[in-house]
Protein backbone atom coordinates (compact mmCIF):
# COMPACT_ATOMS: atom_id res chain seq x y z
CA MET A 1 103.29 -1.19 206.15
CA SER A 2 102.92 -3.80 208.84
CA LEU A 3 100.55 -3.46 211.93
CA SER A 4 103.71 -3.31 214.07
CA GLN A 5 105.29 -0.51 211.74
CA ASP A 6 102.08 1.37 211.64
CA LEU A 7 102.46 1.26 215.71
CA HIS A 8 105.84 2.47 216.22
CA ALA A 9 105.60 5.30 213.74
CA HIS A 10 102.38 6.49 215.09
CA PHE A 11 103.57 6.13 219.16
CA ALA A 12 106.92 7.65 218.22
CA GLY A 13 104.94 10.84 216.71
CA LEU A 14 102.77 11.08 220.04
CA ASN A 15 105.90 10.80 222.23
CA ARG A 16 107.37 13.63 220.46
CA ARG A 17 104.36 15.96 221.28
CA ASP A 18 104.07 14.45 224.65
CA ALA A 19 100.42 13.59 223.64
CA PHE A 20 100.17 10.50 225.39
CA PRO A 21 101.42 9.72 228.55
CA GLY A 22 101.42 6.39 229.47
CA VAL A 23 101.47 2.51 228.29
CA VAL A 24 100.74 0.43 225.45
CA LEU A 25 100.59 -3.07 224.44
CA VAL A 26 99.57 -5.14 221.59
CA ARG A 27 99.49 -8.88 221.24
CA GLN A 28 98.42 -11.03 218.61
CA ALA A 29 97.59 -14.72 219.94
CA ALA A 30 101.04 -15.39 221.68
CA ALA A 31 102.85 -12.68 220.17
CA THR A 32 103.61 -9.00 221.41
CA ILE A 33 103.26 -6.98 218.14
CA PHE A 34 104.05 -3.39 219.84
CA GLU A 35 104.62 -2.43 223.57
CA GLY A 36 105.94 1.04 224.57
CA ALA A 37 105.86 3.20 227.22
CA PHE A 38 105.76 7.15 227.19
CA GLY A 39 105.51 10.34 229.46
CA LEU A 40 106.11 10.79 233.13
CA ALA A 41 105.01 8.73 235.87
CA SER A 42 105.44 11.66 238.05
CA ARG A 43 105.30 15.25 236.81
CA ALA A 44 106.96 16.51 240.07
CA TRP A 45 109.88 14.50 239.76
CA ALA A 46 110.18 14.15 236.07
CA VAL A 47 109.96 10.32 236.26
CA PRO A 48 109.52 8.45 233.35
CA ASN A 49 106.84 5.86 232.96
CA THR A 50 108.18 2.38 232.09
CA LEU A 51 106.46 -1.00 231.13
CA GLU A 52 106.40 -2.19 234.69
CA THR A 53 104.36 1.11 236.06
CA ARG A 54 101.49 0.47 237.75
CA PHE A 55 98.50 2.47 236.90
CA ASP A 56 94.97 3.48 238.17
CA THR A 57 92.60 1.61 236.12
CA ALA A 58 89.71 3.16 237.14
CA SER A 59 86.47 1.41 235.61
CA ILE A 60 88.54 -1.58 234.42
CA THR A 61 88.32 -2.76 238.29
CA LYS A 62 84.82 -3.73 237.28
CA LEU A 63 85.93 -6.39 235.31
CA PHE A 64 87.77 -8.14 238.53
CA THR A 65 84.47 -7.51 240.31
CA ALA A 66 82.40 -9.50 237.80
CA ALA A 67 85.06 -12.09 237.81
CA ALA A 68 84.86 -12.48 241.58
CA VAL A 69 80.53 -12.88 241.78
CA LEU A 70 81.18 -15.56 238.61
CA GLN A 71 83.27 -17.68 240.84
CA MET A 72 80.69 -17.15 243.51
CA ILE A 73 77.97 -18.17 241.43
CA ASP A 74 80.40 -21.63 240.12
CA ALA A 75 80.84 -22.11 243.84
CA GLY A 76 76.88 -22.05 244.31
CA ALA A 77 76.95 -19.13 246.78
CA LEU A 78 75.07 -16.86 244.47
CA THR A 79 73.41 -17.31 241.11
CA LEU A 80 72.33 -14.40 237.86
CA ASP A 81 68.86 -14.60 239.19
CA THR A 82 69.80 -13.78 242.86
CA PRO A 83 67.76 -10.63 244.31
CA VAL A 84 70.53 -8.68 245.63
CA LEU A 85 68.43 -6.44 248.50
CA GLY A 86 67.13 -9.79 249.64
CA TYR A 87 70.78 -11.51 250.01
CA LEU A 88 72.42 -8.31 251.48
CA GLY A 89 69.67 -7.96 253.92
CA LEU A 90 69.36 -3.96 252.83
CA SER A 91 65.93 -2.29 253.71
CA GLY A 92 64.80 1.30 253.29
CA THR A 93 66.10 2.00 250.29
CA THR A 94 64.76 3.11 246.91
CA ILE A 95 66.13 0.35 244.96
CA SER A 96 63.71 -2.32 243.68
CA ALA A 97 63.56 -5.59 245.38
CA ARG A 98 63.74 -7.01 242.27
CA VAL A 99 66.93 -6.20 241.12
CA THR A 100 69.14 -9.49 240.63
CA VAL A 101 73.00 -9.83 240.19
CA PHE A 102 72.52 -10.17 236.40
CA HIS A 103 70.68 -6.83 236.42
CA LEU A 104 73.57 -5.17 237.80
CA LEU A 105 76.37 -7.32 235.80
CA THR A 106 74.26 -5.89 232.53
CA HIS A 107 73.67 -2.70 233.76
CA THR A 108 70.59 -2.88 233.12
CA SER A 109 68.88 -2.80 237.21
CA GLY A 110 67.92 1.33 236.41
CA ILE A 111 69.43 2.02 240.18
CA GLY A 112 69.89 5.66 240.67
CA ASP A 113 73.98 5.92 240.56
CA ASP A 114 76.37 8.05 242.61
CA ALA A 115 77.81 9.49 239.76
CA ASP A 116 74.99 9.28 236.64
CA GLU A 117 78.34 9.51 233.95
CA GLU A 118 75.78 9.15 231.11
CA ALA A 119 73.82 12.18 232.48
CA GLY A 120 77.38 14.38 232.51
CA GLU A 121 77.89 14.00 236.11
CA ARG A 122 81.38 13.73 237.25
CA TYR A 123 82.53 11.00 240.00
CA GLU A 124 85.14 13.70 241.37
CA ASP A 125 82.17 16.05 241.91
CA LEU A 126 81.35 13.74 244.76
CA TRP A 127 83.83 14.46 247.26
CA ARG A 128 83.38 18.22 247.10
CA ASP A 129 81.09 18.60 250.41
CA LYS A 130 82.13 14.83 251.63
CA PRO A 131 85.71 13.93 252.44
CA SER A 132 87.18 11.32 250.49
CA TYR A 133 88.98 9.87 253.08
CA SER A 134 85.96 8.97 254.91
CA VAL A 135 85.15 5.87 252.40
CA MET A 136 87.45 3.00 253.08
CA GLU A 137 85.31 0.17 252.92
CA THR A 138 82.96 -1.16 250.54
CA ALA A 139 79.76 -0.52 252.91
CA ASP A 140 80.80 3.15 252.95
CA LEU A 141 79.56 3.87 249.45
CA LEU A 142 75.95 2.92 250.19
CA PRO A 143 74.58 6.15 251.38
CA GLN A 144 76.12 7.87 248.03
CA PHE A 145 72.99 5.85 245.56
CA ILE A 146 70.54 3.91 247.93
CA HIS A 147 68.31 6.73 248.50
CA LYS A 148 68.21 8.02 244.76
CA PRO A 149 65.19 7.50 242.06
CA PRO A 150 65.67 4.62 239.97
CA ASN A 151 65.88 5.58 236.26
CA PHE A 152 63.87 2.81 235.02
CA GLU A 153 62.66 -0.72 236.25
CA PRO A 154 64.85 -3.80 236.55
CA GLY A 155 65.48 -5.01 233.23
CA GLN A 156 63.49 -2.05 231.32
CA GLY A 157 66.48 -0.10 230.03
CA CYS A 158 70.22 0.01 230.03
CA ARG A 159 72.31 2.70 231.36
CA TYR A 160 75.83 2.24 233.08
CA ASN A 161 76.14 2.36 236.42
CA ASN A 162 78.70 2.26 238.85
CA ALA A 163 76.49 1.96 242.00
CA GLY A 164 75.73 -1.69 240.86
CA PHE A 165 79.16 -2.53 241.51
CA ILE A 166 79.20 -1.77 244.76
CA LEU A 167 76.51 -3.82 245.71
CA LEU A 168 78.28 -7.16 243.92
CA GLY A 169 81.19 -6.28 245.86
CA LEU A 170 79.04 -6.74 248.86
CA CYS A 171 77.70 -9.96 247.77
CA VAL A 172 81.20 -11.23 246.89
CA GLU A 173 82.21 -9.90 250.64
CA LYS A 174 79.21 -11.55 251.97
CA ALA A 175 79.30 -15.13 249.97
CA ALA A 176 83.26 -15.06 250.47
CA GLY A 177 83.37 -13.98 253.92
CA MET A 178 86.32 -11.87 253.34
CA ARG A 179 86.87 -8.21 252.29
CA TYR A 180 86.43 -7.81 248.42
CA ARG A 181 89.93 -6.40 248.06
CA ASP A 182 91.44 -9.56 250.07
CA TYR A 183 89.50 -11.74 247.63
CA VAL A 184 90.32 -10.24 244.89
CA ARG A 185 94.11 -10.16 245.21
CA GLU A 186 94.03 -13.99 246.17
CA ARG A 187 91.33 -15.47 244.11
CA VAL A 188 91.35 -13.25 240.50
CA PHE A 189 94.79 -11.24 240.68
CA GLY A 190 96.57 -14.58 241.59
CA PRO A 191 95.14 -16.99 239.24
CA ALA A 192 95.22 -15.00 236.53
CA GLY A 193 99.22 -14.35 237.00
CA MET A 194 98.61 -10.41 237.52
CA ALA A 195 101.58 -10.27 239.97
CA ALA A 196 101.84 -6.67 240.26
CA ALA A 197 98.14 -5.79 240.57
CA GLY A 198 96.91 -4.23 243.68
CA PHE A 199 94.85 -2.03 245.49
CA PHE A 200 97.09 1.04 246.69
CA ARG A 201 96.20 3.52 249.59
CA MET A 202 96.91 7.18 248.13
CA ASP A 203 98.28 8.33 251.48
CA GLU A 204 100.77 5.24 251.43
CA VAL A 205 103.76 5.04 249.33
CA ALA A 206 103.98 2.16 246.68
CA ARG A 207 106.84 1.74 244.02
CA ASN A 208 106.08 1.92 240.55
CA VAL A 209 102.49 3.41 241.15
CA ALA A 210 101.84 6.29 238.20
CA GLU A 211 100.56 9.64 239.91
CA GLY A 212 97.47 10.84 238.65
CA ALA A 213 97.45 14.42 237.20
CA ASP A 214 95.61 16.80 234.81
CA PRO A 215 96.23 19.43 232.73
CA VAL A 216 94.94 22.86 233.62
CA VAL A 217 94.73 24.96 230.47
CA ASP A 218 93.63 28.79 229.67
CA ALA A 219 91.49 30.37 227.36
CA ASP A 220 93.68 29.86 224.67
CA GLY A 221 94.11 26.05 225.33
CA VAL A 222 97.81 26.80 226.64
CA VAL A 223 98.40 24.17 229.88
CA THR A 224 99.54 26.60 232.40
CA SER A 225 100.21 23.81 235.34
CA TRP A 226 98.98 20.29 236.19
CA ARG A 227 96.64 19.18 238.85
CA ARG A 228 97.06 15.98 240.77
CA ASN A 229 93.94 13.92 241.43
CA ILE A 230 94.19 13.21 245.23
CA TYR A 231 91.11 14.83 246.31
CA SER A 232 88.78 13.07 243.51
CA TYR A 233 87.69 10.01 244.88
CA PRO A 234 88.54 7.78 247.98
CA PRO A 235 92.21 6.81 249.02
CA ILE A 236 91.86 3.19 248.06
CA GLY A 237 90.14 1.30 245.57
CA SER A 238 86.73 -0.25 245.45
CA PRO A 239 84.42 -2.65 243.36
CA ASP A 240 83.45 -0.34 241.00
CA GLY A 241 87.03 1.20 240.05
CA GLY A 242 90.66 2.29 241.50
CA ALA A 243 92.73 -0.94 241.25
CA TYR A 244 95.82 -0.59 239.87
CA ALA A 245 97.45 -2.57 237.33
CA THR A 246 100.19 -2.82 234.58
CA ALA A 247 99.28 -3.32 230.62
CA SER A 248 100.72 -7.08 231.06
CA ASP A 249 98.59 -7.51 233.98
CA LEU A 250 95.47 -6.31 232.05
CA ASP A 251 96.41 -8.61 228.83
CA ARG A 252 97.11 -11.64 231.56
CA PHE A 253 93.45 -10.99 233.21
CA LEU A 254 91.93 -11.02 229.68
CA ARG A 255 93.53 -13.98 228.60
CA ALA A 256 92.83 -15.97 231.90
CA ALA A 257 89.14 -14.92 231.51
CA ARG A 258 88.90 -15.87 227.79
CA THR A 259 90.40 -19.31 228.31
CA GLY A 260 88.47 -20.72 230.88
CA ARG A 261 91.20 -20.15 234.01
CA LEU A 262 89.14 -17.97 236.12
CA PHE A 263 85.47 -19.73 236.16
CA SER A 264 83.78 -22.65 234.46
CA ALA A 265 83.17 -23.41 230.82
CA ARG A 266 79.48 -22.24 230.96
CA LEU A 267 80.16 -19.04 232.97
CA THR A 268 82.95 -18.23 230.73
CA GLN A 269 80.81 -18.59 227.65
CA GLU A 270 78.02 -16.36 229.12
CA PHE A 271 81.23 -13.75 230.09
CA LEU A 272 82.16 -13.62 226.16
CA ARG A 273 78.56 -12.85 225.03
CA PRO A 274 76.39 -9.69 225.18
CA HIS A 275 73.16 -9.83 227.05
CA ALA A 276 71.95 -6.35 226.74
CA LEU A 277 71.65 -3.72 224.38
CA HIS A 278 73.00 -0.41 225.66
CA SER A 279 72.89 2.04 222.37
CA THR A 280 72.90 1.83 218.64
CA THR A 281 74.08 4.61 216.18
CA GLN A 282 74.73 4.47 212.14
CA THR A 283 78.16 3.57 212.59
CA ARG A 284 78.15 1.22 215.85
CA THR A 285 76.17 -0.60 218.23
CA SER A 286 77.21 -1.67 222.05
CA ARG A 287 75.92 -4.40 223.96
CA TYR A 288 76.83 -5.00 227.70
CA GLY A 289 77.68 -8.42 229.05
CA LEU A 290 78.92 -9.67 232.47
CA GLY A 291 81.12 -6.76 232.81
CA LEU A 292 82.17 -6.36 229.32
CA GLU A 293 81.04 -4.03 226.35
CA PHE A 294 80.59 -5.56 222.92
CA VAL A 295 80.84 -3.26 220.00
CA SER A 296 79.51 -4.21 216.42
CA GLY A 297 79.62 -2.03 213.25
CA PRO A 298 77.34 -1.25 211.01
CA ASP A 299 76.65 -4.37 209.19
CA ASP A 300 76.15 -5.76 213.27
CA ARG A 301 79.33 -8.39 212.95
CA LEU A 302 81.25 -7.94 216.50
CA ARG A 303 84.23 -5.76 215.96
CA PHE A 304 85.63 -5.98 219.54
CA LEU A 305 84.79 -6.53 223.29
CA GLN A 306 86.44 -4.52 225.76
CA LYS A 307 85.80 -2.68 229.41
CA ASP A 308 87.28 1.11 229.81
CA GLY A 309 88.12 3.18 232.71
CA LEU A 310 87.97 7.01 233.09
CA ASN A 311 88.50 9.39 235.93
CA ALA A 312 90.32 12.34 236.90
CA GLY A 313 93.95 11.45 236.39
CA ALA A 314 93.45 7.90 234.67
CA SER A 315 91.96 6.52 231.75
CA GLY A 316 92.27 3.17 230.26
CA ILE A 317 91.29 0.48 227.73
CA LEU A 318 91.69 -3.02 227.71
CA ARG A 319 90.01 -4.52 224.49
CA TYR A 320 90.00 -7.69 222.36
CA TYR A 321 89.40 -8.50 218.40
CA PRO A 322 88.36 -11.71 218.10
CA ASP A 323 88.47 -12.07 214.38
CA ASP A 324 92.33 -10.83 214.63
CA ASP A 325 93.18 -12.33 217.79
CA LEU A 326 94.28 -9.12 218.94
CA SER A 327 94.75 -7.54 222.27
CA VAL A 328 94.70 -4.02 223.00
CA VAL A 329 96.28 -2.46 226.51
CA LEU A 330 96.05 1.52 226.89
CA LEU A 331 96.72 2.92 230.10
CA SER A 332 97.30 6.52 231.05
CA ASN A 333 97.78 8.60 234.30
CA THR A 334 95.53 11.28 232.54
CA ALA A 335 91.92 11.19 232.12
CA ARG A 336 92.30 12.20 228.52
CA GLY A 337 95.00 10.09 227.92
CA VAL A 338 93.93 6.71 226.16
CA TRP A 339 91.11 7.72 223.79
CA GLN A 340 92.61 9.49 220.77
CA PRO A 341 95.56 6.17 220.58
CA ALA A 342 92.31 3.90 220.56
CA ARG A 343 90.51 5.30 218.18
CA ASP A 344 94.27 5.26 216.21
CA ILE A 345 94.68 2.06 216.76
CA ASP A 346 91.33 0.89 215.71
CA ALA A 347 91.53 2.65 212.26
CA MET A 348 95.07 0.42 212.06
CA VAL A 349 93.40 -2.79 212.61
CA ARG A 350 90.51 -1.98 210.56
CA GLY A 351 92.52 -1.10 207.64
CA CYS A 352 94.73 -4.09 207.93
């Protein structure tokens, strides 16, 4: 069977079991190999997902922040070596004055995170004692991490970090003289052709936006109800997560970034290569670049580059296989939605 036939058969099976509420898009070069929408965008009203549904992209938003930072570097307002605290004029924090833009982009800053995901902390738990609706602007997020102890000295390790992208978002705001969300809409979404993408408040009505929800299961693993994610993070996205997009939007973004339509040839080249070793096992090695993750197999040959995202009621993967010129987008309005389908697609690609 061809990859296209395998994908059709596989997702038909997932759909019969309601195992993947979301959308998938697989493209090779300029051709669409497979696309489909499954499950419900709203479980309360039984509204189905469609290819035009806009999903919370969670941490995939960090790619848009990285793109904005690289544009500021092209404009001469920043460099990769810019010391971030000095640039922002922040003082009285536990963050090292030696932390640079490069450290934040590559997750090598060592700064304390608002929710340390590698230590098993959950972002949604930040809002148990603090009203999520009190955080609306980028600077409102600073108190959540600027006094936390660092994990290591800048450049002496690699640990996934959300808070670093809050600082990068503030750098964009200062360099551009406008709000982060406004800048990304105008200078990133616009040039990339992401016509449907945006930042939508949870307390306002927006068309074609999936409602995030996760199943509540009993001791036997039976789903007894569904819980919305409206108390799990602030009501509008920020530089570390929360932008909404369609699958086609994300495919357009990565295509624009890869082909030099968002920043200079020099920075495009830097964006498309790894810069820091994150982790290695017998089966895979993960390295971080300027926003992207680069995954190699046991032979240390690059298999794919990607960015994923996870939050309550949201999960997504944007992935590109350079040897096959194959892009894969998976978006779901559940936290568990994309992970098994992503593994299944990877196995199909390796088998072709």
